[in-house]
């Protein structure tokens, strides 16, 4: 949100920032303004994402966990999964035999 604010001050309008998650419950809570009894314990400061979704600053999408590129940075992956995600980073690696 800080980067969006900075660019708006410079006169650029950015598209909504996509947030991809594999937890359908959190996507529902963020997108649905109705508060249920199970979510009463969530502190008001964590509802900021609801405001951002409502204002069109972010877009929230579901992506299955086994297809989530962020897993590369947050989980210990086996070599096959690591190499699969690594090729989607848009970076050319010197030891990559498939790009030669």
PDB file of N, CA and C in Angstrom:
ATOM      1  N   UNK A   1       0.831  -1.179   0.000  1.00  0.00           N
ATOM      2  CA  UNK A   1       0.000   0.000   0.000  1.00  0.00           C
ATOM      3  C   UNK A   1       0.876   1.243   0.000  1.00  0.00           C
ATOM      4  N   UNK A   2       2.042   1.145   0.655  1.00  0.00           N
ATOM      5  CA  UNK A   2       2.953   2.276   0.687  1.00  0.00           C
ATOM      6  C   UNK A   2       3.445   2.607  -0.723  1.00  0.00           C
ATOM      7  N   UNK A   3       3.772   1.596  -1.497  1.00  0.00           N
ATOM      8  CA  UNK A   3       4.256   1.828  -2.862  1.00  0.00           C
ATOM      9  C   UNK A   3       3.143   2.434  -3.707  1.00  0.00           C
ATOM     10  N   UNK A   4       1.918   1.956  -3.565  1.00  0.00           N
ATOM     11  CA  UNK A   4       0.805   2.546  -4.299  1.00  0.00           C
ATOM     12  C   UNK A   4       0.622   4.004  -3.924  1.00  0.00           C
ATOM     13  N   UNK A   5       0.721   4.314  -2.646  1.00  0.00           N
ATOM     14  CA  UNK A   5       0.593   5.693  -2.188  1.00  0.00           C
ATOM     15  C   UNK A   5       1.689   6.580  -2.783  1.00  0.00           C
ATOM     16  N   UNK A   6       2.909   6.059  -2.793  1.00  0.00           N
ATOM     17  CA  UNK A   6       4.024   6.810  -3.366  1.00  0.00           C
ATOM     18  C   UNK A   6       3.794   7.108  -4.838  1.00  0.00           C
ATOM     19  N   UNK A   7       3.394   6.117  -5.606  1.00  0.00           N
ATOM     20  CA  UNK A   7       3.171   6.324  -7.035  1.00  0.00           C
ATOM     21  C   UNK A   7       1.991   7.255  -7.299  1.00  0.00           C
ATOM     22  N   UNK A   8       0.966   7.212  -6.451  1.00  0.00           N
ATOM     23  CA  UNK A   8      -0.154   8.136  -6.623  1.00  0.00           C
ATOM     24  C   UNK A   8       0.285   9.573  -6.395  1.00  0.00           C
ATOM     25  N   UNK A   9       1.180   9.782  -5.423  1.00  0.00           N
ATOM     26  CA  UNK A   9       1.700  11.130  -5.195  1.00  0.00           C
ATOM     27  C   UNK A   9       2.529  11.610  -6.377  1.00  0.00           C
ATOM     28  N   UNK A  10       3.142  10.684  -7.094  1.00  0.00           N
ATOM     29  CA  UNK A  10       3.929  11.034  -8.274  1.00  0.00           C
ATOM     30  C   UNK A  10       3.073  11.161  -9.533  1.00  0.00           C
ATOM     31  N   UNK A  11       1.776  10.871  -9.409  1.00  0.00           N
ATOM     32  CA  UNK A  11       0.863  11.044 -10.527  1.00  0.00           C
ATOM     33  C   UNK A  11       0.575   9.788 -11.319  1.00  0.00           C
ATOM     34  N   UNK A  12       0.980   8.632 -10.822  1.00  0.00           N
ATOM     35  CA  UNK A  12       0.718   7.371 -11.508  1.00  0.00           C
ATOM     36  C   UNK A  12      -0.423   6.639 -10.809  1.00  0.00           C
ATOM     37  N   UNK A  13      -1.337   6.103 -11.591  1.00  0.00           N
ATOM     38  CA  UNK A  13      -2.411   5.284 -11.042  1.00  0.00           C
ATOM     39  C   UNK A  13      -2.093   3.833 -11.353  1.00  0.00           C
ATOM     40  N   UNK A  14      -1.954   3.038 -10.316  1.00  0.00           N
ATOM     41  CA  UNK A  14      -1.623   1.635 -10.479  1.00  0.00           C
ATOM     42  C   UNK A  14      -2.877   0.784 -10.466  1.00  0.00           C
ATOM     43  N   UNK A  15      -2.783  -0.385 -11.094  1.00  0.00           N
ATOM     44  CA  UNK A  15      -3.882  -1.344 -11.026  1.00  0.00           C
ATOM     45  C   UNK A  15      -3.890  -1.952  -9.620  1.00  0.00           C
ATOM     46  N   UNK A  16      -5.007  -2.537  -9.208  1.00  0.00           N
ATOM     47  CA  UNK A  16      -5.045  -3.150  -7.880  1.00  0.00           C
ATOM     48  C   UNK A  16      -3.950  -4.210  -7.725  1.00  0.00           C
ATOM     49  N   UNK A  17      -3.317  -4.227  -6.582  1.00  0.00           N
ATOM     50  CA  UNK A  17      -2.269  -5.196  -6.295  1.00  0.00           C
ATOM     51  C   UNK A  17      -2.895  -6.564  -6.080  1.00  0.00           C
ATOM     52  N   UNK A  18      -2.457  -7.581  -6.843  1.00  0.00           N
ATOM     53  CA  UNK A  18      -3.032  -8.915  -6.647  1.00  0.00           C
ATOM     54  C   UNK A  18      -2.415  -9.597  -5.425  1.00  0.00           C
ATOM     55  N   UNK A  19      -3.260 -10.209  -4.621  1.00  0.00           N
ATOM     56  CA  UNK A  19      -2.819 -11.022  -3.493  1.00  0.00           C
ATOM     57  C   UNK A  19      -3.376 -12.414  -3.723  1.00  0.00           C
ATOM     58  N   UNK A  20      -2.477 -13.380  -3.881  1.00  0.00           N
ATOM     59  CA  UNK A  20      -2.878 -14.764  -4.129  1.00  0.00           C
ATOM     60  C   UNK A  20      -2.686 -15.566  -2.855  1.00  0.00           C
ATOM     61  N   UNK A  21      -3.701 -16.296  -2.461  1.00  0.00           N
ATOM     62  CA  UNK A  21      -3.614 -17.092  -1.249  1.00  0.00           C
ATOM     63  C   UNK A  21      -4.244 -18.454  -1.441  1.00  0.00           C
ATOM     64  N   UNK A  22      -3.825 -19.406  -0.622  1.00  0.00           N
ATOM     65  CA  UNK A  22      -4.374 -20.756  -0.714  1.00  0.00           C
ATOM     66  C   UNK A  22      -5.329 -21.068   0.435  1.00  0.00           C
ATOM     67  N   UNK A  23      -5.713 -20.061   1.205  1.00  0.00           N
ATOM     68  CA  UNK A  23      -6.626 -20.247   2.321  1.00  0.00           C
ATOM     69  C   UNK A  23      -7.954 -19.582   1.970  1.00  0.00           C
ATOM     70  N   UNK A  24      -8.933 -20.398   1.596  1.00  0.00           N
ATOM     71  CA  UNK A  24     -10.219 -19.847   1.178  1.00  0.00           C
ATOM     72  C   UNK A  24     -10.934 -19.133   2.323  1.00  0.00           C
ATOM     73  N   UNK A  25     -10.711 -19.579   3.550  1.00  0.00           N
ATOM     74  CA  UNK A  25     -11.334 -18.924   4.698  1.00  0.00           C
ATOM     75  C   UNK A  25     -10.860 -17.499   4.861  1.00  0.00           C
ATOM     76  N   UNK A  26      -9.556 -17.276   4.723  1.00  0.00           N
ATOM     77  CA  UNK A  26      -9.036 -15.912   4.873  1.00  0.00           C
ATOM     78  C   UNK A  26      -9.491 -15.026   3.725  1.00  0.00           C
ATOM     79  N   UNK A  27      -9.600 -15.594   2.526  1.00  0.00           N
ATOM     80  CA  UNK A  27     -10.098 -14.811   1.383  1.00  0.00           C
ATOM     81  C   UNK A  27     -11.547 -14.408   1.633  1.00  0.00           C
ATOM     82  N   UNK A  28     -12.349 -15.330   2.149  1.00  0.00           N
ATOM     83  CA  UNK A  28     -13.748 -15.029   2.432  1.00  0.00           C
ATOM     84  C   UNK A  28     -13.881 -13.961   3.506  1.00  0.00           C
ATOM     85  N   UNK A  29     -13.107 -14.086   4.584  1.00  0.00           N
ATOM     86  CA  UNK A  29     -13.171 -13.101   5.674  1.00  0.00           C
ATOM     87  C   UNK A  29     -12.756 -11.721   5.170  1.00  0.00           C
ATOM     88  N   UNK A  30     -11.724 -11.678   4.331  1.00  0.00           N
ATOM     89  CA  UNK A  30     -11.270 -10.395   3.807  1.00  0.00           C
ATOM     90  C   UNK A  30     -12.248  -9.765   2.835  1.00  0.00           C
ATOM     91  N   UNK A  31     -12.937 -10.593   2.072  1.00  0.00           N
ATOM     92  CA  UNK A  31     -13.850 -10.079   1.049  1.00  0.00           C
ATOM     93  C   UNK A  31     -15.264  -9.852   1.551  1.00  0.00           C
ATOM     94  N   UNK A  32     -15.632 -10.480   2.662  1.00  0.00           N
ATOM     95  CA  UNK A  32     -16.999 -10.417   3.163  1.00  0.00           C
ATOM     96  C   UNK A  32     -17.064  -9.490   4.374  1.00  0.00           C
ATOM     97  N   UNK A  33     -17.817  -8.403   4.296  1.00  0.00           N
ATOM     98  CA  UNK A  33     -17.869  -7.461   5.409  1.00  0.00           C
ATOM     99  C   UNK A  33     -18.683  -7.940   6.613  1.00  0.00           C
ATOM    100  N   UNK A  34     -19.395  -9.060   6.485  1.00  0.00           N
ATOM    101  CA  UNK A  34     -20.212  -9.555   7.587  1.00  0.00           C
ATOM    102  C   UNK A  34     -19.299 -10.212   8.614  1.00  0.00           C
ATOM    103  N   UNK A  35     -19.484  -9.855   9.869  1.00  0.00           N
ATOM    104  CA  UNK A  35     -18.685 -10.437  10.935  1.00  0.00           C
ATOM    105  C   UNK A  35     -19.469 -11.568  11.584  1.00  0.00           C
ATOM    106  N   UNK A  36     -18.879 -12.741  11.600  1.00  0.00           N
ATOM    107  CA  UNK A  36     -19.529 -13.891  12.202  1.00  0.00           C
ATOM    108  C   UNK A  36     -18.986 -14.103  13.610  1.00  0.00           C
ATOM    109  N   UNK A  37     -19.649 -14.914  14.383  1.00  0.00           N
ATOM    110  CA  UNK A  37     -19.234 -15.100  15.775  1.00  0.00           C
ATOM    111  C   UNK A  37     -17.847 -15.719  15.871  1.00  0.00           C
ATOM    112  N   UNK A  38     -17.428 -16.505  14.861  1.00  0.00           N
ATOM    113  CA  UNK A  38     -16.104 -17.121  14.913  1.00  0.00           C
ATOM    114  C   UNK A  38     -14.991 -16.096  14.700  1.00  0.00           C
ATOM    115  N   UNK A  39     -15.302 -14.957  14.091  1.00  0.00           N
ATOM    116  CA  UNK A  39     -14.269 -13.974  13.765  1.00  0.00           C
ATOM    117  C   UNK A  39     -14.287 -12.767  14.694  1.00  0.00           C
ATOM    118  N   UNK A  40     -15.065 -12.803  15.760  1.00  0.00           N
ATOM    119  CA  UNK A  40     -15.128 -11.669  16.684  1.00  0.00           C
ATOM    120  C   UNK A  40     -13.802 -11.412  17.385  1.00  0.00           C
ATOM    121  N   UNK A  41     -12.994 -12.453  17.542  1.00  0.00           N
ATOM    122  CA  UNK A  41     -11.735 -12.313  18.265  1.00  0.00           C
ATOM    123  C   UNK A  41     -10.651 -11.612  17.448  1.00  0.00           C
ATOM    124  N   UNK A  42     -10.882 -11.405  16.159  1.00  0.00           N
ATOM    125  CA  UNK A  42      -9.884 -10.754  15.315  1.00  0.00           C
ATOM    126  C   UNK A  42      -9.867  -9.263  15.633  1.00  0.00           C
ATOM    127  N   UNK A  43      -8.704  -8.747  15.967  1.00  0.00           N
ATOM    128  CA  UNK A  43      -8.546  -7.348  16.340  1.00  0.00           C
ATOM    129  C   UNK A  43      -8.869  -6.452  15.139  1.00  0.00           C
ATOM    130  N   UNK A  44      -9.405  -5.294  15.399  1.00  0.00           N
ATOM    131  CA  UNK A  44      -9.833  -4.370  14.354  1.00  0.00           C
ATOM    132  C   UNK A  44      -8.688  -3.950  13.442  1.00  0.00           C
ATOM    133  N   UNK A  45      -7.456  -3.938  13.956  1.00  0.00           N
ATOM    134  CA  UNK A  45      -6.337  -3.521  13.115  1.00  0.00           C
ATOM    135  C   UNK A  45      -6.088  -4.491  11.968  1.00  0.00           C
ATOM    136  N   UNK A  46      -6.558  -5.727  12.093  1.00  0.00           N
ATOM    137  CA  UNK A  46      -6.350  -6.707  11.043  1.00  0.00           C
ATOM    138  C   UNK A  46      -7.434  -6.640   9.968  1.00  0.00           C
ATOM    139  N   UNK A  47      -8.403  -5.774  10.124  1.00  0.00           N
ATOM    140  CA  UNK A  47      -9.451  -5.618   9.125  1.00  0.00           C
ATOM    141  C   UNK A  47      -9.079  -4.585   8.062  1.00  0.00           C
ATOM    142  N   UNK A  48      -7.876  -4.104   8.099  1.00  0.00           N
ATOM    143  CA  UNK A  48      -7.404  -3.131   7.110  1.00  0.00           C
ATOM    144  C   UNK A  48      -7.501  -3.696   5.701  1.00  0.00           C
ATOM    145  N   UNK A  49      -7.251  -4.990   5.555  1.00  0.00           N
ATOM    146  CA  UNK A  49      -7.312  -5.599   4.221  1.00  0.00           C
ATOM    147  C   UNK A  49      -8.720  -5.498   3.647  1.00  0.00           C
ATOM    148  N   UNK A  50      -9.750  -5.547   4.512  1.00  0.00           N
ATOM    149  CA  UNK A  50     -11.125  -5.376   4.029  1.00  0.00           C
ATOM    150  C   UNK A  50     -11.306  -4.001   3.388  1.00  0.00           C
ATOM    151  N   UNK A  51     -10.756  -2.977   4.028  1.00  0.00           N
ATOM    152  CA  UNK A  51     -10.847  -1.628   3.469  1.00  0.00           C
ATOM    153  C   UNK A  51     -10.144  -1.548   2.120  1.00  0.00           C
ATOM    154  N   UNK A  52      -8.979  -2.176   2.033  1.00  0.00           N
ATOM    155  CA  UNK A  52      -8.210  -2.143   0.785  1.00  0.00           C
ATOM    156  C   UNK A  52      -8.945  -2.860  -0.335  1.00  0.00           C
ATOM    157  N   UNK A  53      -9.605  -3.979  -0.025  1.00  0.00           N
ATOM    158  CA  UNK A  53     -10.383  -4.701  -1.037  1.00  0.00           C
ATOM    159  C   UNK A  53     -11.576  -3.860  -1.459  1.00  0.00           C
ATOM    160  N   UNK A  54     -12.267  -3.274  -0.482  1.00  0.00           N
ATOM    161  CA  UNK A  54     -13.456  -2.460  -0.766  1.00  0.00           C
ATOM    162  C   UNK A  54     -13.101  -1.239  -1.608  1.00  0.00           C
ATOM    163  N   UNK A  55     -11.943  -0.627  -1.320  1.00  0.00           N
ATOM    164  CA  UNK A  55     -11.514   0.564  -2.049  1.00  0.00           C
ATOM    165  C   UNK A  55     -10.884   0.248  -3.403  1.00  0.00           C
ATOM    166  N   UNK A  56     -10.723  -1.042  -3.723  1.00  0.00           N
ATOM    167  CA  UNK A  56     -10.149  -1.434  -5.006  1.00  0.00           C
ATOM    168  C   UNK A  56      -8.635  -1.292  -5.067  1.00  0.00           C
ATOM    169  N   UNK A  57      -7.976  -1.247  -3.919  1.00  0.00           N
ATOM    170  CA  UNK A  57      -6.520  -1.140  -3.900  1.00  0.00           C
ATOM    171  C   UNK A  57      -5.855  -2.497  -4.094  1.00  0.00           C
ATOM    172  N   UNK A  58      -6.515  -3.562  -3.648  1.00  0.00           N
ATOM    173  CA  UNK A  58      -5.990  -4.913  -3.823  1.00  0.00           C
ATOM    174  C   UNK A  58      -7.090  -5.817  -4.365  1.00  0.00           C
ATOM    175  N   UNK A  59      -6.673  -6.879  -5.034  1.00  0.00           N
ATOM    176  CA  UNK A  59      -7.570  -7.933  -5.496  1.00  0.00           C
ATOM    177  C   UNK A  59      -7.077  -9.238  -4.905  1.00  0.00           C
ATOM    178  N   UNK A  60      -7.977 -10.014  -4.334  1.00  0.00           N
ATOM    179  CA  UNK A  60      -7.598 -11.259  -3.681  1.00  0.00           C
ATOM    180  C   UNK A  60      -8.044 -12.418  -4.553  1.00  0.00           C
ATOM    181  N   UNK A  61      -7.132 -13.353  -4.804  1.00  0.00           N
ATOM    182  CA  UNK A  61      -7.391 -14.509  -5.656  1.00  0.00           C
ATOM    183  C   UNK A  61      -7.004 -15.790  -4.926  1.00  0.00           C
ATOM    184  N   UNK A  62      -7.732 -16.861  -5.236  1.00  0.00           N
ATOM    185  CA  UNK A  62      -7.382 -18.170  -4.708  1.00  0.00           C
ATOM    186  C   UNK A  62      -6.434 -18.857  -5.677  1.00  0.00           C
ATOM    187  N   UNK A  63      -5.390 -19.449  -5.137  1.00  0.00           N
ATOM    188  CA  UNK A  63      -4.473 -20.267  -5.915  1.00  0.00           C
ATOM    189  C   UNK A  63      -4.172 -21.505  -5.081  1.00  0.00           C
ATOM    190  N   UNK A  64      -4.298 -22.702  -5.658  1.00  0.00           N
ATOM    191  CA  UNK A  64      -4.024 -23.915  -4.883  1.00  0.00           C
ATOM    192  C   UNK A  64      -2.601 -23.912  -4.326  1.00  0.00           C
ATOM    193  N   UNK A  65      -2.421 -24.475  -3.158  1.00  0.00           N
ATOM    194  CA  UNK A  65      -1.131 -24.468  -2.487  1.00  0.00           C
ATOM    195  C   UNK A  65      -0.002 -25.066  -3.295  1.00  0.00           C
ATOM    196  N   UNK A  66      -0.295 -26.128  -4.065  1.00  0.00           N
ATOM    197  CA  UNK A  66       0.775 -26.751  -4.842  1.00  0.00           C
ATOM    198  C   UNK A  66       1.153 -25.954  -6.087  1.00  0.00           C
ATOM    199  N   UNK A  67       0.432 -24.875  -6.375  1.00  0.00           N
ATOM    200  CA  UNK A  67       0.751 -24.020  -7.513  1.00  0.00           C
ATOM    201  C   UNK A  67       1.206 -22.624  -7.079  1.00  0.00           C
ATOM    202  N   UNK A  68       1.337 -22.406  -5.784  1.00  0.00           N
ATOM    203  CA  UNK A  68       1.653 -21.091  -5.258  1.00  0.00           C
ATOM    204  C   UNK A  68       3.160 -20.846  -5.290  1.00  0.00           C
ATOM    205  N   UNK A  69       3.589 -19.897  -6.106  1.00  0.00           N
ATOM    206  CA  UNK A  69       5.005 -19.579  -6.255  1.00  0.00           C
ATOM    207  C   UNK A  69       5.639 -19.140  -4.939  1.00  0.00           C
ATOM    208  N   UNK A  70       4.860 -18.551  -4.051  1.00  0.00           N
ATOM    209  CA  UNK A  70       5.393 -18.096  -2.766  1.00  0.00           C
ATOM    210  C   UNK A  70       5.872 -19.254  -1.899  1.00  0.00           C
ATOM    211  N   UNK A  71       5.415 -20.472  -2.179  1.00  0.00           N
ATOM    212  CA  UNK A  71       5.886 -21.630  -1.420  1.00  0.00           C
ATOM    213  C   UNK A  71       7.399 -21.771  -1.503  1.00  0.00           C
ATOM    214  N   UNK A  72       7.968 -21.311  -2.587  1.00  0.00           N
ATOM    215  CA  UNK A  72       9.407 -21.397  -2.761  1.00  0.00           C
ATOM    216  C   UNK A  72      10.141 -20.616  -1.676  1.00  0.00           C
ATOM    217  N   UNK A  73       9.525 -19.570  -1.195  1.00  0.00           N
ATOM    218  CA  UNK A  73      10.153 -18.700  -0.206  1.00  0.00           C
ATOM    219  C   UNK A  73       9.712 -18.996   1.229  1.00  0.00           C
ATOM    220  N   UNK A  74       8.656 -19.793   1.388  1.00  0.00           N
ATOM    221  CA  UNK A  74       8.110 -19.998   2.721  1.00  0.00           C
ATOM    222  C   UNK A  74       8.173 -21.433   3.213  1.00  0.00           C
ATOM    223  N   UNK A  75       8.505 -22.388   2.339  1.00  0.00           N
ATOM    224  CA  UNK A  75       8.496 -23.791   2.738  1.00  0.00           C
ATOM    225  C   UNK A  75       9.747 -24.498   2.244  1.00  0.00           C
ATOM    226  N   UNK A  76      10.079 -25.582   2.919  1.00  0.00           N
ATOM    227  CA  UNK A  76      11.154 -26.443   2.440  1.00  0.00           C
ATOM    228  C   UNK A  76      10.585 -27.329   1.339  1.00  0.00           C
ATOM    229  N   UNK A  77      11.125 -27.196   0.141  1.00  0.00           N
ATOM    230  CA  UNK A  77      10.630 -27.953  -0.996  1.00  0.00           C
ATOM    231  C   UNK A  77      11.658 -28.973  -1.439  1.00  0.00           C
ATOM    232  N   UNK A  78      11.171 -30.040  -2.036  1.00  0.00           N
ATOM    233  CA  UNK A  78      12.061 -31.003  -2.662  1.00  0.00           C
ATOM    234  C   UNK A  78      12.650 -30.395  -3.930  1.00  0.00           C
ATOM    235  N   UNK A  79      13.638 -31.067  -4.484  1.00  0.00           N
ATOM    236  CA  UNK A  79      14.346 -30.538  -5.650  1.00  0.00           C
ATOM    237  C   UNK A  79      13.420 -30.345  -6.851  1.00  0.00           C
ATOM    238  N   UNK A  80      12.500 -31.261  -7.077  1.00  0.00           N
ATOM    239  CA  UNK A  80      11.612 -31.166  -8.247  1.00  0.00           C
ATOM    240  C   UNK A  80      10.707 -29.942  -8.128  1.00  0.00           C
ATOM    241  N   UNK A  81      10.076 -29.765  -6.966  1.00  0.00           N
ATOM    242  CA  UNK A  81       9.203 -28.605  -6.773  1.00  0.00           C
ATOM    243  C   UNK A  81       9.995 -27.311  -6.806  1.00  0.00           C
ATOM    244  N   UNK A  82      11.183 -27.315  -6.196  1.00  0.00           N
ATOM    245  CA  UNK A  82      12.018 -26.117  -6.193  1.00  0.00           C
ATOM    246  C   UNK A  82      12.360 -25.687  -7.619  1.00  0.00           C
ATOM    247  N   UNK A  83      12.806 -26.625  -8.445  1.00  0.00           N
ATOM    248  CA  UNK A  83      13.164 -26.292  -9.834  1.00  0.00           C
ATOM    249  C   UNK A  83      11.943 -25.861 -10.634  1.00  0.00           C
ATOM    250  N   UNK A  84      10.780 -26.468 -10.333  1.00  0.00           N
ATOM    251  CA  UNK A  84       9.545 -26.073 -11.024  1.00  0.00           C
ATOM    252  C   UNK A  84       9.205 -24.610 -10.735  1.00  0.00           C
ATOM    253  N   UNK A  85       9.250 -24.219  -9.461  1.00  0.00           N
ATOM    254  CA  UNK A  85       8.928 -22.847  -9.096  1.00  0.00           C
ATOM    255  C   UNK A  85      10.017 -21.875  -9.543  1.00  0.00           C
ATOM    256  N   UNK A  86      11.262 -22.306  -9.506  1.00  0.00           N
ATOM    257  CA  UNK A  86      12.382 -21.427  -9.842  1.00  0.00           C
ATOM    258  C   UNK A  86      12.297 -20.936 -11.285  1.00  0.00           C
ATOM    259  N   UNK A  87      11.832 -21.775 -12.188  1.00  0.00           N
ATOM    260  CA  UNK A  87      11.773 -21.362 -13.590  1.00  0.00           C
ATOM    261  C   UNK A  87      10.694 -20.304 -13.841  1.00  0.00           C
ATOM    262  N   UNK A  88       9.798 -20.102 -12.882  1.00  0.00           N
ATOM    263  CA  UNK A  88       8.750 -19.088 -13.022  1.00  0.00           C
ATOM    264  C   UNK A  88       9.141 -17.730 -12.436  1.00  0.00           C
ATOM    265  N   UNK A  89      10.356 -17.606 -11.922  1.00  0.00           N
ATOM    266  CA  UNK A  89      10.785 -16.354 -11.318  1.00  0.00           C
ATOM    267  C   UNK A  89      11.156 -15.288 -12.343  1.00  0.00           C
ATOM    268  N   UNK A  90      11.435 -15.696 -13.577  1.00  0.00           N
ATOM    269  CA  UNK A  90      11.833 -14.727 -14.591  1.00  0.00           C
ATOM    270  C   UNK A  90      13.298 -14.344 -14.500  1.00  0.00           C
ATOM    271  N   UNK A  91      14.096 -15.203 -13.868  1.00  0.00           N
ATOM    272  CA  UNK A  91      15.517 -14.953 -13.700  1.00  0.00           C
ATOM    273  C   UNK A  91      16.269 -16.061 -14.420  1.00  0.00           C
ATOM    274  N   UNK A  92      17.323 -15.703 -15.133  1.00  0.00           N
ATOM    275  CA  UNK A  92      18.136 -16.699 -15.803  1.00  0.00           C
ATOM    276  C   UNK A  92      19.273 -17.102 -14.872  1.00  0.00           C
ATOM    277  N   UNK A  93      19.397 -18.410 -14.634  1.00  0.00           N
ATOM    278  CA  UNK A  93      20.428 -18.946 -13.757  1.00  0.00           C
ATOM    279  C   UNK A  93      21.539 -19.568 -14.596  1.00  0.00           C
ATOM    280  N   UNK A  94      22.776 -19.363 -14.191  1.00  0.00           N
ATOM    281  CA  UNK A  94      23.914 -19.889 -14.943  1.00  0.00           C
ATOM    282  C   UNK A  94      23.971 -21.391 -14.937  1.00  0.00           C
ATOM    283  N   UNK A  95      23.508 -22.035 -13.868  1.00  0.00           N
ATOM    284  CA  UNK A  95      23.580 -23.492 -13.796  1.00  0.00           C
ATOM    285  C   UNK A  95      22.366 -24.175 -14.407  1.00  0.00           C
ATOM    286  N   UNK A  96      21.462 -23.413 -15.028  1.00  0.00           N
ATOM    287  CA  UNK A  96      20.236 -23.961 -15.593  1.00  0.00           C
ATOM    288  C   UNK A  96      20.537 -24.564 -16.956  1.00  0.00           C
ATOM    289  N   UNK A  97      20.456 -25.879 -17.074  1.00  0.00           N
ATOM    290  CA  UNK A  97      20.772 -26.584 -18.321  1.00  0.00           C
ATOM    291  C   UNK A  97      19.644 -26.455 -19.345  1.00  0.00           C
ATOM    292  N   UNK A  98      18.405 -26.204 -18.877  1.00  0.00           N
ATOM    293  CA  UNK A  98      17.277 -26.147 -19.800  1.00  0.00           C
ATOM    294  C   UNK A  98      17.271 -24.877 -20.646  1.00  0.00           C
ATOM    295  N   UNK A  99      17.955 -23.809 -20.216  1.00  0.00           N
ATOM    296  CA  UNK A  99      17.954 -22.567 -20.989  1.00  0.00           C
ATOM    297  C   UNK A  99      19.111 -22.503 -21.963  1.00  0.00           C
ATOM    298  N   UNK A 100      19.995 -23.488 -21.951  1.00  0.00           N
ATOM    299  CA  UNK A 100      21.154 -23.482 -22.845  1.00  0.00           C
ATOM    300  C   UNK A 100      20.824 -23.968 -24.218  1.00  0.00           C
TER     301      UNK A 100
END
